[in-house]
Protein backbone atom coordinates (compact mmCIF):
# COMPACT_ATOMS: atom_id res chain seq x y z
CA MET A 1 103.88 212.79 84.90
CA SER A 2 101.10 211.44 86.59
CA ASP A 3 100.09 212.90 89.96
CA GLU A 4 100.00 209.13 91.45
CA ASN A 5 103.96 208.74 89.94
CA ALA A 6 104.58 212.57 92.51
CA ASN A 7 103.02 211.11 95.60
CA PRO A 8 103.79 207.39 95.83
CA PRO A 9 101.34 205.75 98.44
CA ARG A 10 102.56 205.35 101.80
CA THR A 11 103.14 201.72 103.24
CA ALA A 12 102.70 200.39 105.95
CA PRO A 13 105.94 199.55 108.12
CA ASP A 14 107.55 196.35 107.80
CA PRO A 15 106.27 194.23 110.59
CA ARG A 16 109.56 192.11 110.26
CA GLU A 17 111.33 195.32 110.37
CA ARG A 18 109.97 196.29 113.58
CA ASP A 19 109.95 192.89 115.29
CA GLY A 20 113.88 192.60 114.38
CA ARG A 21 114.15 196.25 115.89
CA MET A 22 112.17 194.78 119.03
CA ALA A 23 114.92 191.60 119.21
CA LEU A 24 117.73 193.70 118.78
CA SER A 25 116.54 196.11 121.71
CA GLY A 26 115.83 192.92 124.13
CA HIS A 27 119.07 191.33 123.43
CA VAL A 28 121.02 195.38 123.76
CA ALA A 29 118.96 194.74 126.88
CA ASP A 30 119.53 191.92 127.66
CA LYS A 31 123.72 192.09 127.40
CA ALA A 32 123.78 194.82 129.66
CA THR A 33 122.16 193.33 132.39
CA ALA A 34 124.40 190.53 132.13
CA ALA A 35 127.74 192.73 132.26
CA ARG A 36 126.08 194.61 135.16
CA LEU A 37 125.37 191.41 137.18
CA ARG A 38 128.62 190.14 135.97
CA TYR A 39 130.89 193.50 137.38
CA GLY A 40 128.57 194.76 139.58
CA GLN A 41 125.75 197.26 140.50
CA SER A 42 128.74 200.02 140.37
CA ILE A 43 130.14 200.28 137.14
CA ASP A 44 133.65 202.76 137.24
CA SER A 45 136.40 203.37 135.06
CA GLU A 46 138.05 200.00 136.20
CA ALA A 47 134.87 198.02 135.65
CA ILE A 48 134.51 199.35 132.15
CA ALA A 49 138.00 198.88 130.79
CA ARG A 50 137.95 195.34 131.99
CA MET A 51 134.40 194.57 130.58
CA LEU A 52 136.06 196.31 126.51
CA ALA A 53 138.86 193.03 127.30
CA ASP A 54 135.79 190.62 128.12
CA ARG A 55 134.53 189.28 124.98
CA GLU A 56 131.01 188.02 126.31
CA VAL A 57 130.54 192.00 127.19
CA VAL A 58 132.08 193.45 124.01
CA ARG A 59 132.52 191.11 121.07
CA TYR A 60 135.75 192.61 119.52
CA PRO A 61 138.79 194.03 120.76
CA ALA A 62 138.21 197.62 121.59
CA ALA A 63 140.99 199.85 122.86
CA VAL A 64 140.46 203.61 124.23
CA VAL A 65 142.46 206.49 123.07
CA PHE A 66 142.35 210.05 124.09
CA ASP A 67 142.09 211.93 120.67
CA GLU A 68 140.50 215.26 119.56
CA ALA A 69 141.44 214.64 115.87
CA PRO A 70 139.37 212.00 114.48
CA LEU A 71 136.21 213.48 116.33
CA GLU A 72 133.28 216.14 114.84
CA PRO A 73 133.10 219.09 116.46
CA GLY A 74 130.92 218.65 119.58
CA GLU A 75 131.38 214.49 119.56
CA PHE A 76 132.20 213.33 123.07
CA ALA A 77 133.71 209.74 121.51
CA TYR A 78 133.82 207.63 118.58
CA ALA A 79 134.21 203.68 117.64
CA ARG A 80 136.53 203.79 114.94
CA PRO A 81 136.99 200.50 113.50
CA PHE A 82 140.45 199.32 112.93
CA GLY A 83 140.14 197.71 109.72
CA ASP A 84 137.25 196.29 107.25
CA HIS A 85 136.14 193.61 109.53
CA PRO A 86 135.01 194.18 112.84
CA ALA A 87 137.04 191.31 114.58
CA GLU A 88 139.75 193.87 113.50
CA GLY A 89 138.82 195.68 116.63
CA PHE A 90 138.08 199.38 117.23
CA GLN A 91 139.68 202.33 118.82
CA LEU A 92 137.11 203.94 120.95
CA VAL A 93 138.52 207.98 120.73
CA VAL A 94 137.62 209.68 123.17
CA HIS A 95 137.61 213.96 123.43
CA PRO A 96 141.07 214.55 125.66
CA CYS A 97 138.79 216.57 128.20
CA PHE A 98 137.89 213.85 129.47
CA ARG A 99 141.24 212.09 130.22
CA ASP A 100 141.41 213.34 133.78
CA ARG A 101 137.79 212.80 134.38
CA PRO A 102 137.72 208.93 134.70
CA GLU A 103 134.28 209.48 136.47
CA THR A 104 132.95 209.78 133.41
CA TRP A 105 134.53 207.00 131.70
CA PRO A 106 131.46 204.45 131.76
CA LEU A 107 128.83 206.97 130.47
CA LEU A 108 131.14 207.98 127.88
CA ILE A 109 132.31 204.21 126.98
CA ALA A 110 129.10 202.61 127.54
CA TYR A 111 126.79 204.54 125.34
CA HIS A 112 129.41 202.28 122.31
CA ILE A 113 129.85 199.56 123.49
CA PRO A 114 126.36 198.45 120.79
CA THR A 115 128.12 200.31 118.19
CA ILE A 116 131.38 197.65 118.51
CA ASN A 117 128.86 195.15 118.99
CA TYR A 118 126.32 195.30 116.12
CA GLY A 119 127.63 198.23 113.76
CA ASP A 120 125.38 200.24 112.00
CA ILE A 121 122.07 197.89 112.76
CA ALA A 122 122.31 199.74 116.44
CA THR A 123 120.40 202.56 117.05
CA SER A 124 121.03 206.36 119.01
CA GLU A 125 117.94 204.46 121.01
CA ASP A 126 120.40 200.63 121.51
CA CYS A 127 122.84 202.72 122.64
CA GLU A 128 121.31 204.90 125.00
CA LEU A 129 118.95 201.77 126.20
CA TYR A 130 122.33 199.93 126.69
CA GLY A 131 124.30 202.66 128.90
CA ALA A 132 121.21 203.41 131.06
CA THR A 133 120.40 199.60 131.59
CA LEU A 134 124.69 198.82 132.28
CA LEU A 135 124.80 201.72 134.60
CA GLY A 136 121.04 201.38 136.26
CA MET A 137 119.98 204.36 135.52
CA ASP A 138 116.42 205.51 133.91
CA ARG A 139 117.27 205.45 130.09
CA ASP A 140 116.41 209.77 130.00
CA GLU A 141 118.41 210.61 132.95
CA TYR A 142 121.34 208.53 131.41
CA TYR A 143 120.74 210.71 127.58
CA ARG A 144 120.86 213.90 130.11
CA ARG A 145 123.72 213.29 131.75
CA LEU A 146 125.72 212.15 127.93
CA CYS A 147 124.21 215.24 126.80
CA THR A 148 125.65 217.59 129.61
CA LEU A 149 129.21 216.08 129.11
CA ALA A 150 128.56 216.20 124.94
CA ASP A 151 128.16 220.16 126.30
CA GLU A 152 131.49 220.26 127.99
CA VAL A 153 133.33 219.22 124.61
CA PRO A 154 135.47 222.75 124.29
CA PRO A 155 134.98 223.54 120.68
CA PRO A 156 138.36 222.13 118.32
CA GLY A 157 141.60 223.15 118.96
CA LEU A 158 140.86 224.35 121.94
CA GLY A 159 140.50 220.73 124.29
């Protein structure tokens, strides 16, 4: 085997991919801004629940359930598809330690809206951007608050 095959030359990032990522990020921010304008500057648990039923905001049906079983250790929520096609809807599984803390629901739920709307192409950065924009906060602050909530998730079986 020759050395040239062992270490293939690095290629520059595909400009189409970069442009696509930038376009998606812009779209994510625009959709979050539109939802914030539609539902008010202070998104609470009632507003986020109404947003889940609004197809202008959340593209596919989504229902929130509080259940620890489908979550990975340390995971605060997960958008689980009901079927093979997104149009069948999603079950947004939230750790039950947050059931009686509705003030946390907008932070936890907003993070998963891009995953429901865009599927696997939504990155964690897109989810953070959406949540921060929707809730009117700095992205770093939103991320810190999510991390704090994730740290509150008890080990499996204790929640």
